[in-house]
Amino acid sequence: MDGLVGVCEGEGVRVRRIPVDYASHSVQVEEIEEELGSALAGIAPRAGRVPFYSTVTGAPVDTTTLDGGYWYRNLRHTVRFEEATRALAAAGHRVFVEVSSHPVLVPGVEETVEACAVGSSVVTGTLRRNEDGPGRFVEALARLHVQGVAVDWAALLGRGSGWPVDLPTYAFQRRRFWLESGRGAGDPSVLGLAGVDHPLLGARADIPATSGVLFTSRWSLWSQPWLADHSAAGVTLVPGTAFVDLVVRAGDEVGCGLLSELVIEAPLVIPEQG
């Protein structure tokens, strides 16, 4: 084992040694069956009020059978966690909360529930490694609350801590009273202009008086977020190659396929907003 751990660490593979001297759910557990029997002999199971789905059987079990022998089988036999999760989903359960010190099972539960194709479900954890304080636990409750799961806040906060109030509705109605343009340069046809099939050119207008052509567009970090990658001293600048592409494309529109020279007199600054 020491050799295997060394090789994994040398190759950058994440490895962690578990401080036990036998392999759970294998024949090695049989060596401690007598010791476990003695340690668990005093267990007296009772009937529970919450249905109990067993990862030993993959199905609901009577909690009065959870004696020392059951917990030995739990350690010795195959873990039927997926079967138990499928049984819960089939029974109509749609909220799965992993109550543990780190949510290692959440991804597995998500995949299993998704494979069951039972519709929308909520899967979440509670605590996380190195984040095991009360704040983390309350955050987990909040995640459930905002997804429609009923949480008994009075039991957590106490009866004298206030009462729930409805949030103001206006800001969340999503009824807007202003125009919203789409991403990109917009639709020039509504302005009587001709469209240009180019991500940086918005519209073309022929100028009869001069036989010229005018190209217009609207740029912003909202419509062209990639521009934010070209910054200097905290200022976003349009790269020179973008101007080259613009001029070449404009030339294509008027039948001019050659760019001889391009001089940029001043950089074009893109504002953070607008």
C-alpha atoms as a PDB file:
ATOM      1  CA  MET A   1       0.000   0.000   0.000  1.00  0.00           C
ATOM      2  CA  ASP A   2       2.846   2.387   0.800  1.00  0.00           C
ATOM      3  CA  GLY A   3       4.303   1.693  -2.645  1.00  0.00           C
ATOM      4  CA  LEU A   4       0.972   2.315  -4.377  1.00  0.00           C
ATOM      5  CA  VAL A   5       0.444   5.590  -2.506  1.00  0.00           C
ATOM      6  CA  GLY A   6       3.962   6.695  -3.458  1.00  0.00           C
ATOM      7  CA  VAL A   7       3.417   5.954  -7.146  1.00  0.00           C
ATOM      8  CA  CYS A   8       0.083   7.794  -7.183  1.00  0.00           C
ATOM      9  CA  GLU A   9       1.524  10.842  -5.468  1.00  0.00           C
ATOM     10  CA  GLY A  10       4.445  10.838  -7.891  1.00  0.00           C
ATOM     11  CA  GLU A  11       2.064  10.869 -10.863  1.00  0.00           C
ATOM     12  CA  GLY A  12      -0.128  13.604  -9.432  1.00  0.00           C
ATOM     13  CA  VAL A  13      -3.050  11.283  -8.677  1.00  0.00           C
ATOM     14  CA  ARG A  14      -5.172  12.349  -5.702  1.00  0.00           C
ATOM     15  CA  VAL A  15      -4.845   9.605  -3.108  1.00  0.00           C
ATOM     16  CA  ARG A  16      -5.831   9.359   0.544  1.00  0.00           C
ATOM     17  CA  ARG A  17      -5.199   6.445   2.849  1.00  0.00           C
ATOM     18  CA  ILE A  18      -8.080   5.440   5.115  1.00  0.00           C
ATOM     19  CA  PRO A  19      -6.939   4.522   8.642  1.00  0.00           C
ATOM     20  CA  VAL A  20      -8.496   1.028   8.821  1.00  0.00           C
ATOM     21  CA  ASP A  21      -6.785  -2.350   8.670  1.00  0.00           C
ATOM     22  CA  TYR A  22      -9.499  -4.228   6.751  1.00  0.00           C
ATOM     23  CA  ALA A  23     -11.542  -3.662   3.573  1.00  0.00           C
ATOM     24  CA  SER A  24     -15.213  -2.974   4.243  1.00  0.00           C
ATOM     25  CA  HIS A  25     -17.800  -4.963   2.260  1.00  0.00           C
ATOM     26  CA  SER A  26     -15.347  -7.769   1.584  1.00  0.00           C
ATOM     27  CA  VAL A  27     -14.525 -11.177   3.002  1.00  0.00           C
ATOM     28  CA  GLN A  28     -12.032  -9.518   5.381  1.00  0.00           C
ATOM     29  CA  VAL A  29     -14.956  -8.260   7.471  1.00  0.00           C
ATOM     30  CA  GLU A  30     -15.728 -11.857   8.448  1.00  0.00           C
ATOM     31  CA  GLU A  31     -12.571 -11.855  10.567  1.00  0.00           C
ATOM     32  CA  ILE A  32     -14.144  -9.309  12.939  1.00  0.00           C
ATOM     33  CA  GLU A  33     -17.670 -10.769  12.937  1.00  0.00           C
ATOM     34  CA  GLU A  34     -17.324 -12.137  16.466  1.00  0.00           C
ATOM     35  CA  GLU A  35     -15.833  -8.877  17.746  1.00  0.00           C
ATOM     36  CA  LEU A  36     -18.647  -6.870  16.145  1.00  0.00           C
ATOM     37  CA  GLY A  37     -21.232  -9.267  17.513  1.00  0.00           C
ATOM     38  CA  SER A  38     -19.987  -8.649  21.038  1.00  0.00           C
ATOM     39  CA  ALA A  39     -19.771  -4.878  20.567  1.00  0.00           C
ATOM     40  CA  LEU A  40     -23.279  -4.619  19.104  1.00  0.00           C
ATOM     41  CA  ALA A  41     -24.988  -7.191  21.280  1.00  0.00           C
ATOM     42  CA  GLY A  42     -26.698  -4.546  23.393  1.00  0.00           C
ATOM     43  CA  ILE A  43     -28.496  -2.871  20.496  1.00  0.00           C
ATOM     44  CA  ALA A  44     -32.279  -2.975  20.959  1.00  0.00           C
ATOM     45  CA  PRO A  45     -33.948  -1.572  17.796  1.00  0.00           C
ATOM     46  CA  ARG A  46     -37.314   0.167  17.972  1.00  0.00           C
ATOM     47  CA  ALA A  47     -40.004   1.031  15.472  1.00  0.00           C
ATOM     48  CA  GLY A  48     -39.268   4.325  13.720  1.00  0.00           C
ATOM     49  CA  ARG A  49     -41.684   7.027  12.632  1.00  0.00           C
ATOM     50  CA  VAL A  50     -39.701   7.811   9.458  1.00  0.00           C
ATOM     51  CA  PRO A  51     -39.625   5.189   6.672  1.00  0.00           C
ATOM     52  CA  PHE A  52     -36.178   3.569   6.510  1.00  0.00           C
ATOM     53  CA  TYR A  53     -34.724   2.534   3.151  1.00  0.00           C
ATOM     54  CA  SER A  54     -31.834   0.138   3.630  1.00  0.00           C
ATOM     55  CA  THR A  55     -28.651   0.096   1.551  1.00  0.00           C
ATOM     56  CA  VAL A  56     -28.313  -3.569   2.534  1.00  0.00           C
ATOM     57  CA  THR A  57     -31.569  -4.600   0.839  1.00  0.00           C
ATOM     58  CA  GLY A  58     -32.156  -1.616  -1.464  1.00  0.00           C
ATOM     59  CA  ALA A  59     -35.713  -1.368  -0.181  1.00  0.00           C
ATOM     60  CA  PRO A  60     -37.725  -0.219   2.874  1.00  0.00           C
ATOM     61  CA  VAL A  61     -37.204  -2.310   5.999  1.00  0.00           C
ATOM     62  CA  ASP A  62     -38.837  -2.581   9.401  1.00  0.00           C
ATOM     63  CA  THR A  63     -36.582  -0.672  11.798  1.00  0.00           C
ATOM     64  CA  THR A  64     -37.256  -3.217  14.538  1.00  0.00           C
ATOM     65  CA  THR A  65     -34.920  -5.538  12.601  1.00  0.00           C
ATOM     66  CA  LEU A  66     -31.917  -3.218  12.840  1.00  0.00           C
ATOM     67  CA  ASP A  67     -30.094  -5.255  15.470  1.00  0.00           C
ATOM     68  CA  GLY A  68     -26.377  -6.039  15.716  1.00  0.00           C
ATOM     69  CA  GLY A  69     -26.682  -8.699  13.027  1.00  0.00           C
ATOM     70  CA  TYR A  70     -28.089  -6.153  10.579  1.00  0.00           C
ATOM     71  CA  TRP A  71     -25.205  -3.749  11.126  1.00  0.00           C
ATOM     72  CA  TYR A  72     -22.726  -6.553  10.592  1.00  0.00           C
ATOM     73  CA  ARG A  73     -24.400  -7.323   7.266  1.00  0.00           C
ATOM     74  CA  ASN A  74     -24.308  -3.615   6.505  1.00  0.00           C
ATOM     75  CA  LEU A  75     -20.514  -3.686   6.820  1.00  0.00           C
ATOM     76  CA  ARG A  76     -20.015  -7.049   5.111  1.00  0.00           C
ATOM     77  CA  HIS A  77     -22.380  -7.116   2.160  1.00  0.00           C
ATOM     78  CA  THR A  78     -22.606  -5.092  -1.055  1.00  0.00           C
ATOM     79  CA  VAL A  79     -23.750  -1.486  -0.673  1.00  0.00           C
ATOM     80  CA  ARG A  80     -27.039  -1.146  -2.569  1.00  0.00           C
ATOM     81  CA  PHE A  81     -27.100   2.626  -2.411  1.00  0.00           C
ATOM     82  CA  GLU A  82     -28.225   3.106  -6.009  1.00  0.00           C
ATOM     83  CA  GLU A  83     -31.061   0.613  -5.565  1.00  0.00           C
ATOM     84  CA  ALA A  84     -32.233   2.382  -2.419  1.00  0.00           C
ATOM     85  CA  THR A  85     -32.107   5.762  -4.193  1.00  0.00           C
ATOM     86  CA  ARG A  86     -34.110   4.388  -7.121  1.00  0.00           C
ATOM     87  CA  ALA A  87     -36.665   2.956  -4.700  1.00  0.00           C
ATOM     88  CA  LEU A  88     -37.036   6.355  -3.018  1.00  0.00           C
ATOM     89  CA  ALA A  89     -37.515   8.071  -6.387  1.00  0.00           C
ATOM     90  CA  ALA A  90     -40.063   5.456  -7.457  1.00  0.00           C
ATOM     91  CA  ALA A  91     -41.957   6.033  -4.199  1.00  0.00           C
ATOM     92  CA  GLY A  92     -42.377   9.709  -5.115  1.00  0.00           C
ATOM     93  CA  HIS A  93     -39.577  11.320  -3.121  1.00  0.00           C
ATOM     94  CA  ARG A  94     -38.129  14.363  -4.901  1.00  0.00           C
ATOM     95  CA  VAL A  95     -35.893  15.914  -2.215  1.00  0.00           C
ATOM     96  CA  PHE A  96     -32.584  14.257  -1.296  1.00  0.00           C
ATOM     97  CA  VAL A  97     -30.384  15.762   1.428  1.00  0.00           C
ATOM     98  CA  GLU A  98     -27.027  14.211   2.259  1.00  0.00           C
ATOM     99  CA  VAL A  99     -26.505  14.675   5.996  1.00  0.00           C
ATOM    100  CA  SER A 100     -22.770  14.128   6.374  1.00  0.00           C
ATOM    101  CA  SER A 101     -19.505  15.954   6.975  1.00  0.00           C
ATOM    102  CA  HIS A 102     -18.893  16.296   3.203  1.00  0.00           C
ATOM    103  CA  PRO A 103     -21.293  15.786   0.259  1.00  0.00           C
ATOM    104  CA  VAL A 104     -19.500  12.910  -1.437  1.00  0.00           C
ATOM    105  CA  LEU A 105     -22.750  11.180  -2.424  1.00  0.00           C
ATOM    106  CA  VAL A 106     -24.571  14.156  -3.970  1.00  0.00           C
ATOM    107  CA  PRO A 107     -23.215  13.596  -7.521  1.00  0.00           C
ATOM    108  CA  GLY A 108     -24.161   9.921  -7.394  1.00  0.00           C
ATOM    109  CA  VAL A 109     -27.679  10.713  -6.192  1.00  0.00           C
ATOM    110  CA  GLU A 110     -28.077  13.340  -8.927  1.00  0.00           C
ATOM    111  CA  GLU A 111     -27.045  10.877 -11.636  1.00  0.00           C
ATOM    112  CA  THR A 112     -29.316   8.141 -10.287  1.00  0.00           C
ATOM    113  CA  VAL A 113     -32.374  10.396  -9.981  1.00  0.00           C
ATOM    114  CA  GLU A 114     -31.752  11.796 -13.464  1.00  0.00           C
ATOM    115  CA  ALA A 115     -31.541   8.268 -14.854  1.00  0.00           C
ATOM    116  CA  CYS A 116     -34.884   7.453 -13.220  1.00  0.00           C
ATOM    117  CA  ALA A 117     -36.507  10.209 -15.349  1.00  0.00           C
ATOM    118  CA  VAL A 118     -38.969  11.100 -12.595  1.00  0.00           C
ATOM    119  CA  GLY A 119     -38.954  14.840 -13.223  1.00  0.00           C
ATOM    120  CA  SER A 120     -37.528  17.743 -11.288  1.00  0.00           C
ATOM    121  CA  SER A 121     -35.784  16.856  -8.011  1.00  0.00           C
ATOM    122  CA  VAL A 122     -33.741  18.673  -5.380  1.00  0.00           C
ATOM    123  CA  VAL A 123     -30.413  17.121  -4.353  1.00  0.00           C
ATOM    124  CA  THR A 124     -28.108  18.906  -1.908  1.00  0.00           C
ATOM    125  CA  GLY A 125     -25.733  18.382   0.997  1.00  0.00           C
ATOM    126  CA  THR A 126     -25.398  19.992   4.399  1.00  0.00           C
ATOM    127  CA  LEU A 127     -21.831  20.442   5.625  1.00  0.00           C
ATOM    128  CA  ARG A 128     -18.543  20.506   3.737  1.00  0.00           C
ATOM    129  CA  ARG A 129     -14.998  19.653   4.689  1.00  0.00           C
ATOM    130  CA  ASN A 130     -13.494  22.568   6.650  1.00  0.00           C
ATOM    131  CA  GLU A 131     -16.893  24.313   6.466  1.00  0.00           C
ATOM    132  CA  ASP A 132     -18.762  22.514   9.215  1.00  0.00           C
ATOM    133  CA  GLY A 133     -20.142  25.420  11.258  1.00  0.00           C
ATOM    134  CA  PRO A 134     -23.767  26.383  11.937  1.00  0.00           C
ATOM    135  CA  GLY A 135     -23.639  28.943   9.122  1.00  0.00           C
ATOM    136  CA  ARG A 136     -23.010  26.244   6.558  1.00  0.00           C
ATOM    137  CA  PHE A 137     -25.906  24.186   7.876  1.00  0.00           C
ATOM    138  CA  VAL A 138     -28.282  27.156   7.729  1.00  0.00           C
ATOM    139  CA  GLU A 139     -27.086  27.851   4.182  1.00  0.00           C
ATOM    140  CA  ALA A 140     -28.082  24.304   3.257  1.00  0.00           C
ATOM    141  CA  LEU A 141     -31.547  24.924   4.697  1.00  0.00           C
ATOM    142  CA  ALA A 142     -31.781  28.145   2.700  1.00  0.00           C
ATOM    143  CA  ARG A 143     -30.934  26.288  -0.512  1.00  0.00           C
ATOM    144  CA  LEU A 144     -33.820  23.937   0.187  1.00  0.00           C
ATOM    145  CA  HIS A 145     -36.139  26.820   1.089  1.00  0.00           C
ATOM    146  CA  VAL A 146     -35.587  28.732  -2.162  1.00  0.00           C
ATOM    147  CA  GLN A 147     -36.312  25.550  -4.134  1.00  0.00           C
ATOM    148  CA  GLY A 148     -39.716  25.171  -2.552  1.00  0.00           C
ATOM    149  CA  VAL A 149     -38.915  22.717   0.239  1.00  0.00           C
ATOM    150  CA  ALA A 150     -40.765  23.418   3.492  1.00  0.00           C
ATOM    151  CA  VAL A 151     -38.335  24.278   6.299  1.00  0.00           C
ATOM    152  CA  ASP A 152     -39.436  24.613   9.923  1.00  0.00           C
ATOM    153  CA  TRP A 153     -37.618  27.886  10.601  1.00  0.00           C
ATOM    154  CA  ALA A 154     -39.314  28.316  13.977  1.00  0.00           C
ATOM    155  CA  ALA A 155     -37.701  25.095  15.187  1.00  0.00           C
ATOM    156  CA  LEU A 156     -34.312  26.435  14.144  1.00  0.00           C
ATOM    157  CA  LEU A 157     -34.583  30.110  15.135  1.00  0.00           C
ATOM    158  CA  GLY A 158     -37.069  29.943  17.980  1.00  0.00           C
ATOM    159  CA  ARG A 159     -40.618  31.212  18.204  1.00  0.00           C
ATOM    160  CA  GLY A 160     -39.619  34.684  19.360  1.00  0.00           C
ATOM    161  CA  SER A 161     -37.299  35.473  16.475  1.00  0.00           C
ATOM    162  CA  GLY A 162     -39.919  37.130  14.273  1.00  0.00           C
ATOM    163  CA  TRP A 163     -42.198  35.824  11.559  1.00  0.00           C
ATOM    164  CA  PRO A 164     -41.935  35.227   7.819  1.00  0.00           C
ATOM    165  CA  VAL A 165     -42.955  38.086   5.563  1.00  0.00           C
ATOM    166  CA  ASP A 166     -43.527  38.044   1.830  1.00  0.00           C
ATOM    167  CA  LEU A 167     -40.901  39.609  -0.366  1.00  0.00           C
ATOM    168  CA  PRO A 168     -41.913  42.670  -2.391  1.00  0.00           C
ATOM    169  CA  THR A 169     -43.242  41.393  -5.676  1.00  0.00           C
ATOM    170  CA  TYR A 170     -42.586  44.229  -8.133  1.00  0.00           C
ATOM    171  CA  ALA A 171     -38.876  43.655  -8.651  1.00  0.00           C
ATOM    172  CA  PHE A 172     -39.478  39.987  -9.344  1.00  0.00           C
ATOM    173  CA  GLN A 173     -42.438  40.269 -11.722  1.00  0.00           C
ATOM    174  CA  ARG A 174     -40.161  40.459 -14.757  1.00  0.00           C
ATOM    175  CA  ARG A 175     -42.540  42.872 -16.446  1.00  0.00           C
ATOM    176  CA  ARG A 176     -40.294  45.368 -18.152  1.00  0.00           C
ATOM    177  CA  PHE A 177     -41.265  48.811 -19.370  1.00  0.00           C
ATOM    178  CA  TRP A 178     -38.216  49.589 -21.467  1.00  0.00           C
ATOM    179  CA  LEU A 179     -36.836  48.314 -24.731  1.00  0.00           C
ATOM    180  CA  GLU A 180     -34.275  45.550 -24.718  1.00  0.00           C
ATOM    181  CA  SER A 181     -32.005  45.004 -27.682  1.00  0.00           C
ATOM    182  CA  GLY A 182     -30.758  41.573 -28.552  1.00  0.00           C
ATOM    183  CA  ARG A 183     -27.143  40.528 -28.312  1.00  0.00           C
ATOM    184  CA  GLY A 184     -25.025  41.638 -31.247  1.00  0.00           C
ATOM    185  CA  ALA A 185     -25.499  44.671 -33.466  1.00  0.00           C
ATOM    186  CA  GLY A 186     -29.312  44.480 -33.632  1.00  0.00           C
ATOM    187  CA  ASP A 187     -31.730  44.184 -36.550  1.00  0.00           C
ATOM    188  CA  PRO A 188     -31.088  47.047 -39.012  1.00  0.00           C
ATOM    189  CA  SER A 189     -34.097  46.222 -41.181  1.00  0.00           C
ATOM    190  CA  VAL A 190     -36.439  47.972 -38.732  1.00  0.00           C
ATOM    191  CA  LEU A 191     -34.532  51.188 -39.518  1.00  0.00           C
ATOM    192  CA  GLY A 192     -34.747  50.743 -43.272  1.00  0.00           C
ATOM    193  CA  LEU A 193     -31.106  49.710 -43.562  1.00  0.00           C
ATOM    194  CA  ALA A 194     -29.497  46.675 -45.137  1.00  0.00           C
ATOM    195  CA  GLY A 195     -28.061  44.009 -42.856  1.00  0.00           C
ATOM    196  CA  VAL A 196     -24.447  42.891 -43.001  1.00  0.00           C
ATOM    197  CA  ASP A 197     -23.649  39.297 -42.164  1.00  0.00           C
ATOM    198  CA  HIS A 198     -20.773  40.109 -39.837  1.00  0.00           C
ATOM    199  CA  PRO A 199     -20.549  40.030 -36.020  1.00  0.00           C
ATOM    200  CA  LEU A 200     -19.017  43.532 -35.813  1.00  0.00           C
ATOM    201  CA  LEU A 201     -20.876  45.335 -38.617  1.00  0.00           C
ATOM    202  CA  GLY A 202     -24.480  46.161 -37.904  1.00  0.00           C
ATOM    203  CA  ALA A 203     -25.900  47.838 -41.013  1.00  0.00           C
ATOM    204  CA  ARG A 204     -25.119  49.276 -44.441  1.00  0.00           C
ATOM    205  CA  ALA A 205     -26.541  52.471 -45.901  1.00  0.00           C
ATOM    206  CA  ASP A 206     -25.881  53.674 -49.446  1.00  0.00           C
ATOM    207  CA  ILE A 207     -25.285  57.443 -49.727  1.00  0.00           C
ATOM    208  CA  PRO A 208     -26.788  58.602 -53.069  1.00  0.00           C
ATOM    209  CA  ALA A 209     -25.274  62.091 -52.999  1.00  0.00           C
ATOM    210  CA  THR A 210     -21.700  60.810 -52.938  1.00  0.00           C
ATOM    211  CA  SER A 211     -22.158  57.262 -54.257  1.00  0.00           C
ATOM    212  CA  GLY A 212     -20.519  56.201 -51.008  1.00  0.00           C
ATOM    213  CA  VAL A 213     -21.399  53.544 -48.487  1.00  0.00           C
ATOM    214  CA  LEU A 214     -21.782  54.014 -44.726  1.00  0.00           C
ATOM    215  CA  PHE A 215     -21.447  51.124 -42.287  1.00  0.00           C
ATOM    216  CA  THR A 216     -22.686  51.479 -38.710  1.00  0.00           C
ATOM    217  CA  SER A 217     -22.689  49.263 -35.663  1.00  0.00           C
ATOM    218  CA  ARG A 218     -23.057  49.282 -31.919  1.00  0.00           C
ATOM    219  CA  TRP A 219     -20.417  47.673 -29.703  1.00  0.00           C
ATOM    220  CA  SER A 220     -20.384  47.036 -25.973  1.00  0.00           C
ATOM    221  CA  LEU A 221     -18.944  44.598 -23.485  1.00  0.00           C
ATOM    222  CA  TRP A 222     -22.454  43.179 -23.200  1.00  0.00           C
ATOM    223  CA  SER A 223     -22.816  42.364 -26.898  1.00  0.00           C
ATOM    224  CA  GLN A 224     -19.129  41.510 -27.512  1.00  0.00           C
ATOM    225  CA  PRO A 225     -17.827  40.228 -24.155  1.00  0.00           C
ATOM    226  CA  TRP A 226     -14.608  38.973 -25.772  1.00  0.00           C
ATOM    227  CA  LEU A 227     -13.436  42.589 -26.036  1.00  0.00           C
ATOM    228  CA  ALA A 228     -12.799  42.524 -22.277  1.00  0.00           C
ATOM    229  CA  ASP A 229      -9.830  40.240 -22.950  1.00  0.00           C
ATOM    230  CA  HIS A 230      -8.013  43.119 -24.670  1.00  0.00           C
ATOM    231  CA  SER A 231      -7.248  45.560 -21.861  1.00  0.00           C
ATOM    232  CA  ALA A 232      -4.360  47.854 -21.022  1.00  0.00           C
ATOM    233  CA  ALA A 233      -3.944  49.677 -17.704  1.00  0.00           C
ATOM    234  CA  GLY A 234      -7.512  48.767 -16.772  1.00  0.00           C
ATOM    235  CA  VAL A 235      -8.963  50.176 -20.016  1.00  0.00           C
ATOM    236  CA  THR A 236     -10.649  47.997 -22.651  1.00  0.00           C
ATOM    237  CA  LEU A 237      -9.425  48.785 -26.161  1.00  0.00           C
ATOM    238  CA  VAL A 238     -10.600  47.462 -29.499  1.00  0.00           C
ATOM    239  CA  PRO A 239      -7.636  45.568 -30.997  1.00  0.00           C
ATOM    240  CA  GLY A 240      -6.209  46.732 -34.307  1.00  0.00           C
ATOM    241  CA  THR A 241      -6.953  43.384 -35.922  1.00  0.00           C
ATOM    242  CA  ALA A 242     -10.673  44.066 -35.416  1.00  0.00           C
ATOM    243  CA  PHE A 243     -10.367  47.231 -37.530  1.00  0.00           C
ATOM    244  CA  VAL A 244      -8.543  45.268 -40.216  1.00  0.00           C
ATOM    245  CA  ASP A 245     -11.371  42.739 -40.273  1.00  0.00           C
ATOM    246  CA  LEU A 246     -13.946  45.551 -40.471  1.00  0.00           C
ATOM    247  CA  VAL A 247     -12.260  47.282 -43.402  1.00  0.00           C
ATOM    248  CA  VAL A 248     -11.757  44.023 -45.306  1.00  0.00           C
ATOM    249  CA  ARG A 249     -15.412  43.087 -44.825  1.00  0.00           C
ATOM    250  CA  ALA A 250     -16.561  46.562 -45.858  1.00  0.00           C
ATOM    251  CA  GLY A 251     -14.388  46.254 -48.961  1.00  0.00           C
ATOM    252  CA  ASP A 252     -16.052  42.964 -49.819  1.00  0.00           C
ATOM    253  CA  GLU A 253     -19.422  44.742 -49.703  1.00  0.00           C
ATOM    254  CA  VAL A 254     -18.366  47.243 -52.360  1.00  0.00           C
ATOM    255  CA  GLY A 255     -16.256  44.940 -54.501  1.00  0.00           C
ATOM    256  CA  CYS A 256     -12.842  46.001 -53.220  1.00  0.00           C
ATOM    257  CA  GLY A 257     -10.821  42.964 -52.191  1.00  0.00           C
ATOM    258  CA  LEU A 258      -7.511  44.601 -51.250  1.00  0.00           C
ATOM    259  CA  LEU A 259      -6.448  46.517 -48.124  1.00  0.00           C
ATOM    260  CA  SER A 260      -3.289  48.468 -48.950  1.00  0.00           C
ATOM    261  CA  GLU A 261      -2.777  50.490 -45.785  1.00  0.00           C
ATOM    262  CA  LEU A 262      -4.633  51.164 -42.536  1.00  0.00           C
ATOM    263  CA  VAL A 263      -3.691  53.893 -40.060  1.00  0.00           C
ATOM    264  CA  ILE A 264      -5.401  54.031 -36.663  1.00  0.00           C
ATOM    265  CA  GLU A 265      -5.069  57.579 -35.347  1.00  0.00           C
ATOM    266  CA  ALA A 266      -6.501  56.921 -31.894  1.00  0.00           C
ATOM    267  CA  PRO A 267      -7.514  53.788 -29.965  1.00  0.00           C
ATOM    268  CA  LEU A 268     -11.204  53.043 -29.524  1.00  0.00           C
ATOM    269  CA  VAL A 269     -12.051  52.665 -25.831  1.00  0.00           C
ATOM    270  CA  ILE A 270     -14.992  50.454 -24.848  1.00  0.00           C
ATOM    271  CA  PRO A 271     -16.726  51.734 -21.682  1.00  0.00           C
ATOM    272  CA  GLU A 272     -17.591  49.391 -18.828  1.00  0.00           C
ATOM    273  CA  GLN A 273     -21.255  50.262 -19.275  1.00  0.00           C
ATOM    274  CA  GLY A 274     -23.072  51.339 -22.413  1.00  0.00           C
END
